[in-house]
Amino acid sequence: MSVLCRMEVSDGIRELKAELTPYCQARRVLEPDHARALQVCCDLLFQAAKHQEIEIARHVRNSAAAWWNITQEIDRPGTNLALFPIIPRPVPTPDPEGAA
């Protein structure tokens, strides 16, 4: 398996696919040792994917909580936070002389 990194799951699946290629080209029997190795690979990929799911969920929760805290602070009386007003931007018109 690959070294622990952000791409561990996709790299591991690609490596596993490459290991199974000979079984797709000709009729073969999966030996018990190979079946156990396949189970270990799948378990490692599962654990890495689960870890990434947890990290993504934590990041999403933290981002949502930060946004919620900002909106609550804006609504608090006496705060020095304010949203910038939406300023309409002029639409550029093509220059009749062709200059950019």
PDB file of N, CA and C in Angstrom:
ATOM      1  N   MET A   1       0.827  -1.193   0.000  1.00  0.00           N
ATOM      2  CA  MET A   1       0.000   0.000   0.000  1.00  0.00           C
ATOM      3  C   MET A   1       0.868   1.254   0.000  1.00  0.00           C
ATOM      4  N   SER A   2       0.277   2.344  -0.388  1.00  0.00           N
ATOM      5  CA  SER A   2       0.984   3.626  -0.461  1.00  0.00           C
ATOM      6  C   SER A   2       1.249   4.180   0.930  1.00  0.00           C
ATOM      7  N   VAL A   3       2.148   5.121   0.988  1.00  0.00           N
ATOM      8  CA  VAL A   3       2.430   5.820   2.225  1.00  0.00           C
ATOM      9  C   VAL A   3       1.200   6.663   2.563  1.00  0.00           C
ATOM     10  N   LEU A   4       0.939   6.860   3.857  1.00  0.00           N
ATOM     11  CA  LEU A   4      -0.231   7.631   4.280  1.00  0.00           C
ATOM     12  C   LEU A   4      -0.155   9.041   3.721  1.00  0.00           C
ATOM     13  N   CYS A   5      -1.123   9.407   2.922  1.00  0.00           N
ATOM     14  CA  CYS A   5      -1.181  10.744   2.354  1.00  0.00           C
ATOM     15  C   CYS A   5      -2.618  11.016   1.927  1.00  0.00           C
ATOM     16  N   ARG A   6      -2.859  12.180   1.370  1.00  0.00           N
ATOM     17  CA  ARG A   6      -4.206  12.553   0.969  1.00  0.00           C
ATOM     18  C   ARG A   6      -4.755  11.639  -0.118  1.00  0.00           C
ATOM     19  N   MET A   7      -3.878  11.078  -0.950  1.00  0.00           N
ATOM     20  CA  MET A   7      -4.316  10.264  -2.078  1.00  0.00           C
ATOM     21  C   MET A   7      -4.262   8.777  -1.761  1.00  0.00           C
ATOM     22  N   GLU A   8      -4.173   8.421  -0.502  1.00  0.00           N
ATOM     23  CA  GLU A   8      -3.995   7.021  -0.139  1.00  0.00           C
ATOM     24  C   GLU A   8      -5.115   6.138  -0.667  1.00  0.00           C
ATOM     25  N   VAL A   9      -6.339   6.573  -0.585  1.00  0.00           N
ATOM     26  CA  VAL A   9      -7.459   5.745  -1.009  1.00  0.00           C
ATOM     27  C   VAL A   9      -7.433   5.529  -2.518  1.00  0.00           C
ATOM     28  N   SER A  10      -7.324   6.586  -3.288  1.00  0.00           N
ATOM     29  CA  SER A  10      -7.344   6.427  -4.742  1.00  0.00           C
ATOM     30  C   SER A  10      -6.108   5.668  -5.232  1.00  0.00           C
ATOM     31  N   ASP A  11      -4.952   5.939  -4.637  1.00  0.00           N
ATOM     32  CA  ASP A  11      -3.741   5.201  -5.017  1.00  0.00           C
ATOM     33  C   ASP A  11      -3.876   3.722  -4.667  1.00  0.00           C
ATOM     34  N   GLY A  12      -4.428   3.442  -3.509  1.00  0.00           N
ATOM     35  CA  GLY A  12      -4.608   2.059  -3.083  1.00  0.00           C
ATOM     36  C   GLY A  12      -5.577   1.311  -3.981  1.00  0.00           C
ATOM     37  N   ILE A  13      -6.643   1.968  -4.390  1.00  0.00           N
ATOM     38  CA  ILE A  13      -7.597   1.330  -5.297  1.00  0.00           C
ATOM     39  C   ILE A  13      -6.940   1.065  -6.647  1.00  0.00           C
ATOM     40  N   ARG A  14      -6.149   2.007  -7.134  1.00  0.00           N
ATOM     41  CA  ARG A  14      -5.451   1.811  -8.404  1.00  0.00           C
ATOM     42  C   ARG A  14      -4.472   0.637  -8.308  1.00  0.00           C
ATOM     43  N   GLU A  15      -3.728   0.547  -7.195  1.00  0.00           N
ATOM     44  CA  GLU A  15      -2.792  -0.563  -7.007  1.00  0.00           C
ATOM     45  C   GLU A  15      -3.535  -1.894  -6.911  1.00  0.00           C
ATOM     46  N   LEU A  16      -4.654  -1.896  -6.201  1.00  0.00           N
ATOM     47  CA  LEU A  16      -5.449  -3.113  -6.065  1.00  0.00           C
ATOM     48  C   LEU A  16      -5.999  -3.559  -7.416  1.00  0.00           C
ATOM     49  N   LYS A  17      -6.443  -2.606  -8.208  1.00  0.00           N
ATOM     50  CA  LYS A  17      -6.944  -2.908  -9.547  1.00  0.00           C
ATOM     51  C   LYS A  17      -5.836  -3.536 -10.398  1.00  0.00           C
ATOM     52  N   ALA A  18      -4.627  -2.982 -10.298  1.00  0.00           N
ATOM     53  CA  ALA A  18      -3.500  -3.523 -11.058  1.00  0.00           C
ATOM     54  C   ALA A  18      -3.180  -4.951 -10.618  1.00  0.00           C
ATOM     55  N   GLU A  19      -3.290  -5.217  -9.324  1.00  0.00           N
ATOM     56  CA  GLU A  19      -3.030  -6.570  -8.825  1.00  0.00           C
ATOM     57  C   GLU A  19      -4.075  -7.569  -9.321  1.00  0.00           C
ATOM     58  N   LEU A  20      -5.303  -7.112  -9.558  1.00  0.00           N
ATOM     59  CA  LEU A  20      -6.377  -8.005 -10.003  1.00  0.00           C
ATOM     60  C   LEU A  20      -6.430  -8.184 -11.514  1.00  0.00           C
ATOM     61  N   THR A  21      -5.666  -7.403 -12.257  1.00  0.00           N
ATOM     62  CA  THR A  21      -5.690  -7.476 -13.721  1.00  0.00           C
ATOM     63  C   THR A  21      -5.420  -8.887 -14.254  1.00  0.00           C
ATOM     64  N   PRO A  22      -4.425  -9.625 -13.740  1.00  0.00           N
ATOM     65  CA  PRO A  22      -4.203 -10.978 -14.261  1.00  0.00           C
ATOM     66  C   PRO A  22      -5.420 -11.891 -14.104  1.00  0.00           C
ATOM     67  N   TYR A  23      -6.239 -11.649 -13.091  1.00  0.00           N
ATOM     68  CA  TYR A  23      -7.420 -12.489 -12.872  1.00  0.00           C
ATOM     69  C   TYR A  23      -8.510 -12.185 -13.904  1.00  0.00           C
ATOM     70  N   CYS A  24      -8.444 -11.036 -14.528  1.00  0.00           N
ATOM     71  CA  CYS A  24      -9.418 -10.670 -15.560  1.00  0.00           C
ATOM     72  C   CYS A  24      -9.018 -11.217 -16.929  1.00  0.00           C
ATOM     73  N   GLN A  25      -7.750 -11.486 -17.122  1.00  0.00           N
ATOM     74  CA  GLN A  25      -7.260 -11.907 -18.436  1.00  0.00           C
ATOM     75  C   GLN A  25      -7.356 -13.412 -18.649  1.00  0.00           C
ATOM     76  N   ALA A  26      -7.321 -14.173 -17.600  1.00  0.00           N
ATOM     77  CA  ALA A  26      -7.392 -15.625 -17.725  1.00  0.00           C
ATOM     78  C   ALA A  26      -8.086 -16.185 -16.490  1.00  0.00           C
ATOM     79  N   ARG A  27      -8.617 -17.366 -16.651  1.00  0.00           N
ATOM     80  CA  ARG A  27      -9.299 -18.008 -15.535  1.00  0.00           C
ATOM     81  C   ARG A  27      -8.249 -18.427 -14.502  1.00  0.00           C
ATOM     82  N   ARG A  28      -8.404 -17.935 -13.288  1.00  0.00           N
ATOM     83  CA  ARG A  28      -7.472 -18.252 -12.210  1.00  0.00           C
ATOM     84  C   ARG A  28      -8.255 -18.479 -10.931  1.00  0.00           C
ATOM     85  N   VAL A  29      -7.609 -19.125 -10.000  1.00  0.00           N
ATOM     86  CA  VAL A  29      -8.201 -19.372  -8.688  1.00  0.00           C
ATOM     87  C   VAL A  29      -7.498 -18.462  -7.693  1.00  0.00           C
ATOM     88  N   LEU A  30      -8.282 -17.806  -6.875  1.00  0.00           N
ATOM     89  CA  LEU A  30      -7.716 -16.936  -5.846  1.00  0.00           C
ATOM     90  C   LEU A  30      -7.345 -17.803  -4.646  1.00  0.00           C
ATOM     91  N   GLU A  31      -6.065 -17.898  -4.391  1.00  0.00           N
ATOM     92  CA  GLU A  31      -5.565 -18.704  -3.283  1.00  0.00           C
ATOM     93  C   GLU A  31      -5.984 -18.068  -1.957  1.00  0.00           C
ATOM     94  N   PRO A  32      -6.135 -18.873  -0.906  1.00  0.00           N
ATOM     95  CA  PRO A  32      -6.536 -18.323   0.399  1.00  0.00           C
ATOM     96  C   PRO A  32      -5.610 -17.212   0.903  1.00  0.00           C
ATOM     97  N   ASP A  33      -4.306 -17.357   0.676  1.00  0.00           N
ATOM     98  CA  ASP A  33      -3.376 -16.306   1.112  1.00  0.00           C
ATOM     99  C   ASP A  33      -3.644 -15.000   0.369  1.00  0.00           C
ATOM    100  N   HIS A  34      -3.921 -15.113  -0.917  1.00  0.00           N
ATOM    101  CA  HIS A  34      -4.216 -13.922  -1.706  1.00  0.00           C
ATOM    102  C   HIS A  34      -5.556 -13.318  -1.295  1.00  0.00           C
ATOM    103  N   ALA A  35      -6.515 -14.172  -0.962  1.00  0.00           N
ATOM    104  CA  ALA A  35      -7.820 -13.667  -0.514  1.00  0.00           C
ATOM    105  C   ALA A  35      -7.667 -12.901   0.796  1.00  0.00           C
ATOM    106  N   ARG A  36      -6.847 -13.416   1.710  1.00  0.00           N
ATOM    107  CA  ARG A  36      -6.614 -12.706   2.977  1.00  0.00           C
ATOM    108  C   ARG A  36      -5.888 -11.383   2.728  1.00  0.00           C
ATOM    109  N   ALA A  37      -4.925 -11.380   1.802  1.00  0.00           N
ATOM    110  CA  ALA A  37      -4.231 -10.136   1.467  1.00  0.00           C
ATOM    111  C   ALA A  37      -5.198  -9.128   0.861  1.00  0.00           C
ATOM    112  N   LEU A  38      -6.122  -9.612   0.043  1.00  0.00           N
ATOM    113  CA  LEU A  38      -7.147  -8.739  -0.541  1.00  0.00           C
ATOM    114  C   LEU A  38      -8.029  -8.137   0.553  1.00  0.00           C
ATOM    115  N   GLN A  39      -8.391  -8.968   1.547  1.00  0.00           N
ATOM    116  CA  GLN A  39      -9.189  -8.460   2.667  1.00  0.00           C
ATOM    117  C   GLN A  39      -8.426  -7.395   3.448  1.00  0.00           C
ATOM    118  N   VAL A  40      -7.138  -7.599   3.660  1.00  0.00           N
ATOM    119  CA  VAL A  40      -6.319  -6.617   4.386  1.00  0.00           C
ATOM    120  C   VAL A  40      -6.265  -5.309   3.602  1.00  0.00           C
ATOM    121  N   CYS A  41      -6.048  -5.417   2.282  1.00  0.00           N
ATOM    122  CA  CYS A  41      -6.010  -4.207   1.446  1.00  0.00           C
ATOM    123  C   CYS A  41      -7.334  -3.455   1.516  1.00  0.00           C
ATOM    124  N   CYS A  42      -8.434  -4.180   1.401  1.00  0.00           N
ATOM    125  CA  CYS A  42      -9.759  -3.541   1.465  1.00  0.00           C
ATOM    126  C   CYS A  42      -9.990  -2.892   2.821  1.00  0.00           C
ATOM    127  N   ASP A  43      -9.548  -3.564   3.885  1.00  0.00           N
ATOM    128  CA  ASP A  43      -9.719  -3.003   5.225  1.00  0.00           C
ATOM    129  C   ASP A  43      -8.900  -1.726   5.389  1.00  0.00           C
ATOM    130  N   LEU A  44      -7.650  -1.725   4.889  1.00  0.00           N
ATOM    131  CA  LEU A  44      -6.826  -0.515   4.972  1.00  0.00           C
ATOM    132  C   LEU A  44      -7.442   0.635   4.178  1.00  0.00           C
ATOM    133  N   LEU A  45      -7.966   0.320   2.995  1.00  0.00           N
ATOM    134  CA  LEU A  45      -8.618   1.361   2.188  1.00  0.00           C
ATOM    135  C   LEU A  45      -9.871   1.873   2.886  1.00  0.00           C
ATOM    136  N   PHE A  46     -10.630   0.963   3.499  1.00  0.00           N
ATOM    137  CA  PHE A  46     -11.826   1.370   4.249  1.00  0.00           C
ATOM    138  C   PHE A  46     -11.456   2.311   5.385  1.00  0.00           C
ATOM    139  N   GLN A  47     -10.415   1.958   6.147  1.00  0.00           N
ATOM    140  CA  GLN A  47     -10.002   2.794   7.278  1.00  0.00           C
ATOM    141  C   GLN A  47      -9.547   4.174   6.807  1.00  0.00           C
ATOM    142  N   ALA A  48      -8.788   4.218   5.716  1.00  0.00           N
ATOM    143  CA  ALA A  48      -8.323   5.502   5.191  1.00  0.00           C
ATOM    144  C   ALA A  48      -9.492   6.346   4.699  1.00  0.00           C
ATOM    145  N   ALA A  49     -10.447   5.715   4.009  1.00  0.00           N
ATOM    146  CA  ALA A  49     -11.623   6.441   3.525  1.00  0.00           C
ATOM    147  C   ALA A  49     -12.458   6.953   4.693  1.00  0.00           C
ATOM    148  N   LYS A  50     -12.624   6.145   5.728  1.00  0.00           N
ATOM    149  CA  LYS A  50     -13.399   6.558   6.899  1.00  0.00           C
ATOM    150  C   LYS A  50     -12.728   7.746   7.584  1.00  0.00           C
ATOM    151  N   HIS A  51     -11.392   7.698   7.690  1.00  0.00           N
ATOM    152  CA  HIS A  51     -10.648   8.809   8.299  1.00  0.00           C
ATOM    153  C   HIS A  51     -10.869  10.093   7.492  1.00  0.00           C
ATOM    154  N   GLN A  52     -10.823   9.994   6.158  1.00  0.00           N
ATOM    155  CA  GLN A  52     -11.041  11.172   5.320  1.00  0.00           C
ATOM    156  C   GLN A  52     -12.470  11.696   5.473  1.00  0.00           C
ATOM    157  N   GLU A  53     -13.445  10.796   5.553  1.00  0.00           N
ATOM    158  CA  GLU A  53     -14.834  11.234   5.755  1.00  0.00           C
ATOM    159  C   GLU A  53     -14.982  12.009   7.058  1.00  0.00           C
ATOM    160  N   ILE A  54     -14.348  11.507   8.107  1.00  0.00           N
ATOM    161  CA  ILE A  54     -14.426  12.174   9.416  1.00  0.00           C
ATOM    162  C   ILE A  54     -13.777  13.546   9.347  1.00  0.00           C
ATOM    163  N   GLU A  55     -12.614  13.642   8.701  1.00  0.00           N
ATOM    164  CA  GLU A  55     -11.923  14.923   8.573  1.00  0.00           C
ATOM    165  C   GLU A  55     -12.748  15.922   7.755  1.00  0.00           C
ATOM    166  N   ILE A  56     -13.356  15.454   6.676  1.00  0.00           N
ATOM    167  CA  ILE A  56     -14.186  16.339   5.846  1.00  0.00           C
ATOM    168  C   ILE A  56     -15.395  16.815   6.634  1.00  0.00           C
ATOM    169  N   ALA A  57     -16.046  15.895   7.361  1.00  0.00           N
ATOM    170  CA  ALA A  57     -17.215  16.275   8.165  1.00  0.00           C
ATOM    171  C   ALA A  57     -16.827  17.287   9.237  1.00  0.00           C
ATOM    172  N   ARG A  58     -15.661  17.087   9.863  1.00  0.00           N
ATOM    173  CA  ARG A  58     -15.193  18.028  10.888  1.00  0.00           C
ATOM    174  C   ARG A  58     -14.939  19.399  10.270  1.00  0.00           C
ATOM    175  N   HIS A  59     -14.324  19.415   9.104  1.00  0.00           N
ATOM    176  CA  HIS A  59     -14.056  20.682   8.416  1.00  0.00           C
ATOM    177  C   HIS A  59     -15.358  21.401   8.055  1.00  0.00           C
ATOM    178  N   VAL A  60     -16.328  20.657   7.554  1.00  0.00           N
ATOM    179  CA  VAL A  60     -17.622  21.259   7.192  1.00  0.00           C
ATOM    180  C   VAL A  60     -18.306  21.824   8.428  1.00  0.00           C
ATOM    181  N   ARG A  61     -18.305  21.056   9.529  1.00  0.00           N
ATOM    182  CA  ARG A  61     -18.929  21.539  10.771  1.00  0.00           C
ATOM    183  C   ARG A  61     -18.238  22.793  11.282  1.00  0.00           C
ATOM    184  N   ASN A  62     -16.893  22.782  11.264  1.00  0.00           N
ATOM    185  CA  ASN A  62     -16.151  23.951  11.754  1.00  0.00           C
ATOM    186  C   ASN A  62     -16.398  25.176  10.883  1.00  0.00           C
ATOM    187  N   SER A  63     -16.479  24.990   9.584  1.00  0.00           N
ATOM    188  CA  SER A  63     -16.747  26.111   8.680  1.00  0.00           C
ATOM    189  C   SER A  63     -18.143  26.681   8.926  1.00  0.00           C
ATOM    190  N   ALA A  64     -19.111  25.778   9.076  1.00  0.00           N
ATOM    191  CA  ALA A  64     -20.481  26.234   9.336  1.00  0.00           C
ATOM    192  C   ALA A  64     -20.561  26.947  10.684  1.00  0.00           C
ATOM    193  N   ALA A  65     -19.866  26.416  11.694  1.00  0.00           N
ATOM    194  CA  ALA A  65     -19.880  27.048  13.018  1.00  0.00           C
ATOM    195  C   ALA A  65     -19.217  28.421  12.964  1.00  0.00           C
ATOM    196  N   ALA A  66     -18.135  28.542  12.217  1.00  0.00           N
ATOM    197  CA  ALA A  66     -17.467  29.846  12.101  1.00  0.00           C
ATOM    198  C   ALA A  66     -18.384  30.852  11.434  1.00  0.00           C
ATOM    199  N   TRP A  67     -19.067  30.436  10.372  1.00  0.00           N
ATOM    200  CA  TRP A  67     -20.002  31.339   9.693  1.00  0.00           C
ATOM    201  C   TRP A  67     -21.136  31.731  10.637  1.00  0.00           C
ATOM    202  N   TRP A  68     -21.646  30.771  11.393  1.00  0.00           N
ATOM    203  CA  TRP A  68     -22.724  31.054  12.346  1.00  0.00           C
ATOM    204  C   TRP A  68     -22.243  32.052  13.393  1.00  0.00           C
ATOM    205  N   ASN A  69     -21.033  31.888  13.902  1.00  0.00           N
ATOM    206  CA  ASN A  69     -20.494  32.816  14.904  1.00  0.00           C
ATOM    207  C   ASN A  69     -20.367  34.226  14.337  1.00  0.00           C
ATOM    208  N   ILE A  70     -19.948  34.343  13.090  1.00  0.00           N
ATOM    209  CA  ILE A  70     -19.824  35.665  12.463  1.00  0.00           C
ATOM    210  C   ILE A  70     -21.191  36.316  12.324  1.00  0.00           C
ATOM    211  N   THR A  71     -22.182  35.555  11.860  1.00  0.00           N
ATOM    212  CA  THR A  71     -23.512  36.144  11.683  1.00  0.00           C
ATOM    213  C   THR A  71     -24.120  36.543  13.025  1.00  0.00           C
ATOM    214  N   GLN A  72     -23.841  35.767  14.068  1.00  0.00           N
ATOM    215  CA  GLN A  72     -24.344  36.127  15.395  1.00  0.00           C
ATOM    216  C   GLN A  72     -23.667  37.397  15.902  1.00  0.00           C
ATOM    217  N   GLU A  73     -22.391  37.534  15.636  1.00  0.00           N
ATOM    218  CA  GLU A  73     -21.653  38.722  16.083  1.00  0.00           C
ATOM    219  C   GLU A  73     -22.129  39.965  15.337  1.00  0.00           C
ATOM    220  N   ILE A  74     -22.454  39.825  14.068  1.00  0.00           N
ATOM    221  CA  ILE A  74     -22.956  40.975  13.296  1.00  0.00           C
ATOM    222  C   ILE A  74     -24.263  41.473  13.878  1.00  0.00           C
ATOM    223  N   ASP A  75     -25.112  40.540  14.306  1.00  0.00           N
ATOM    224  CA  ASP A  75     -26.427  40.909  14.855  1.00  0.00           C
ATOM    225  C   ASP A  75     -26.358  41.437  16.290  1.00  0.00           C
ATOM    226  N   ARG A  76     -25.226  41.270  16.982  1.00  0.00           N
ATOM    227  CA  ARG A  76     -25.113  41.703  18.378  1.00  0.00           C
ATOM    228  C   ARG A  76     -25.044  43.222  18.447  1.00  0.00           C
ATOM    229  N   PRO A  77     -25.852  43.831  19.300  1.00  0.00           N
ATOM    230  CA  PRO A  77     -25.789  45.285  19.439  1.00  0.00           C
ATOM    231  C   PRO A  77     -24.417  45.729  19.966  1.00  0.00           C
ATOM    232  N   GLY A  78     -23.907  46.814  19.411  1.00  0.00           N
ATOM    233  CA  GLY A  78     -22.645  47.377  19.860  1.00  0.00           C
ATOM    234  C   GLY A  78     -21.421  46.756  19.210  1.00  0.00           C
ATOM    235  N   THR A  79     -21.624  45.865  18.273  1.00  0.00           N
ATOM    236  CA  THR A  79     -20.476  45.235  17.630  1.00  0.00           C
ATOM    237  C   THR A  79     -19.848  46.185  16.619  1.00  0.00           C
ATOM    238  N   ASN A  80     -18.588  45.984  16.321  1.00  0.00           N
ATOM    239  CA  ASN A  80     -17.945  46.825  15.322  1.00  0.00           C
ATOM    240  C   ASN A  80     -17.836  46.095  13.981  1.00  0.00           C
ATOM    241  N   LEU A  81     -18.538  44.974  13.847  1.00  0.00           N
ATOM    242  CA  LEU A  81     -18.566  44.246  12.578  1.00  0.00           C
ATOM    243  C   LEU A  81     -19.728  44.724  11.730  1.00  0.00           C
ATOM    244  N   ALA A  82     -19.504  44.824  10.459  1.00  0.00           N
ATOM    245  CA  ALA A  82     -20.569  45.211   9.535  1.00  0.00           C
ATOM    246  C   ALA A  82     -20.285  44.573   8.185  1.00  0.00           C
ATOM    247  N   LEU A  83     -21.331  44.243   7.482  1.00  0.00           N
ATOM    248  CA  LEU A  83     -21.179  43.711   6.136  1.00  0.00           C
ATOM    249  C   LEU A  83     -20.941  44.865   5.174  1.00  0.00           C
ATOM    250  N   PHE A  84     -20.131  44.631   4.169  1.00  0.00           N
ATOM    251  CA  PHE A  84     -19.930  45.647   3.152  1.00  0.00           C
ATOM    252  C   PHE A  84     -21.202  45.775   2.327  1.00  0.00           C
ATOM    253  N   PRO A  85     -21.587  46.995   1.987  1.00  0.00           N
ATOM    254  CA  PRO A  85     -22.779  47.150   1.152  1.00  0.00           C
ATOM    255  C   PRO A  85     -22.490  46.653  -0.267  1.00  0.00           C
ATOM    256  N   ILE A  86     -23.516  46.186  -0.913  1.00  0.00           N
ATOM    257  CA  ILE A  86     -23.378  45.751  -2.300  1.00  0.00           C
ATOM    258  C   ILE A  86     -23.388  46.989  -3.173  1.00  0.00           C
ATOM    259  N   ILE A  87     -22.298  47.184  -3.897  1.00  0.00           N
ATOM    260  CA  ILE A  87     -22.160  48.359  -4.753  1.00  0.00           C
ATOM    261  C   ILE A  87     -22.298  47.896  -6.201  1.00  0.00           C
ATOM    262  N   PRO A  88     -23.248  48.472  -6.924  1.00  0.00           N
ATOM    263  CA  PRO A  88     -23.364  48.063  -8.329  1.00  0.00           C
ATOM    264  C   PRO A  88     -22.134  48.481  -9.119  1.00  0.00           C
ATOM    265  N   ARG A  89     -21.655  47.600  -9.931  1.00  0.00           N
ATOM    266  CA  ARG A  89     -20.478  47.873 -10.756  1.00  0.00           C
ATOM    267  C   ARG A  89     -20.939  48.288 -12.149  1.00  0.00           C
ATOM    268  N   PRO A  90     -20.259  49.273 -12.737  1.00  0.00           N
ATOM    269  CA  PRO A  90     -20.642  49.675 -14.089  1.00  0.00           C
ATOM    270  C   PRO A  90     -20.274  48.577 -15.092  1.00  0.00           C
ATOM    271  N   VAL A  91     -21.124  48.413 -16.091  1.00  0.00           N
ATOM    272  CA  VAL A  91     -20.872  47.437 -17.136  1.00  0.00           C
ATOM    273  C   VAL A  91     -19.966  48.082 -18.166  1.00  0.00           C
ATOM    274  N   PRO A  92     -18.828  47.455 -18.466  1.00  0.00           N
ATOM    275  CA  PRO A  92     -17.928  48.079 -19.447  1.00  0.00           C
ATOM    276  C   PRO A  92     -18.569  48.105 -20.832  1.00  0.00           C
ATOM    277  N   THR A  93     -18.374  49.197 -21.501  1.00  0.00           N
ATOM    278  CA  THR A  93     -18.887  49.326 -22.865  1.00  0.00           C
ATOM    279  C   THR A  93     -17.719  49.175 -23.818  1.00  0.00           C
ATOM    280  N   PRO A  94     -17.941  48.582 -24.986  1.00  0.00           N
ATOM    281  CA  PRO A  94     -16.831  48.423 -25.942  1.00  0.00           C
ATOM    282  C   PRO A  94     -16.328  49.781 -26.395  1.00  0.00           C
ATOM    283  N   ASP A  95     -15.032  49.891 -26.472  1.00  0.00           N
ATOM    284  CA  ASP A  95     -14.403  51.114 -26.918  1.00  0.00           C
ATOM    285  C   ASP A  95     -14.572  51.217 -28.438  1.00  0.00           C
ATOM    286  N   PRO A  96     -15.121  52.338 -28.898  1.00  0.00           N
ATOM    287  CA  PRO A  96     -15.350  52.464 -30.346  1.00  0.00           C
ATOM    288  C   PRO A  96     -14.063  52.439 -31.162  1.00  0.00           C
ATOM    289  N   GLU A  97     -12.939  52.784 -30.540  1.00  0.00           N
ATOM    290  CA  GLU A  97     -11.673  52.797 -31.278  1.00  0.00           C
ATOM    291  C   GLU A  97     -10.976  51.438 -31.232  1.00  0.00           C
ATOM    292  N   GLY A  98     -11.539  50.470 -30.509  1.00  0.00           N
ATOM    293  CA  GLY A  98     -10.977  49.123 -30.478  1.00  0.00           C
ATOM    294  C   GLY A  98      -9.871  48.926 -29.462  1.00  0.00           C
ATOM    295  N   ALA A  99      -9.621  49.882 -28.585  1.00  0.00           N
ATOM    296  CA  ALA A  99      -8.571  49.732 -27.566  1.00  0.00           C
ATOM    297  C   ALA A  99      -9.097  48.807 -26.464  1.00  0.00           C
ATOM    298  N   ALA A 100      -8.218  48.065 -25.893  1.00  0.00           N
ATOM    299  CA  ALA A 100      -8.617  47.150 -24.832  1.00  0.00           C
ATOM    300  C   ALA A 100      -8.656  47.828 -23.499  1.00  0.00           C
TER     301      ALA A 100
END
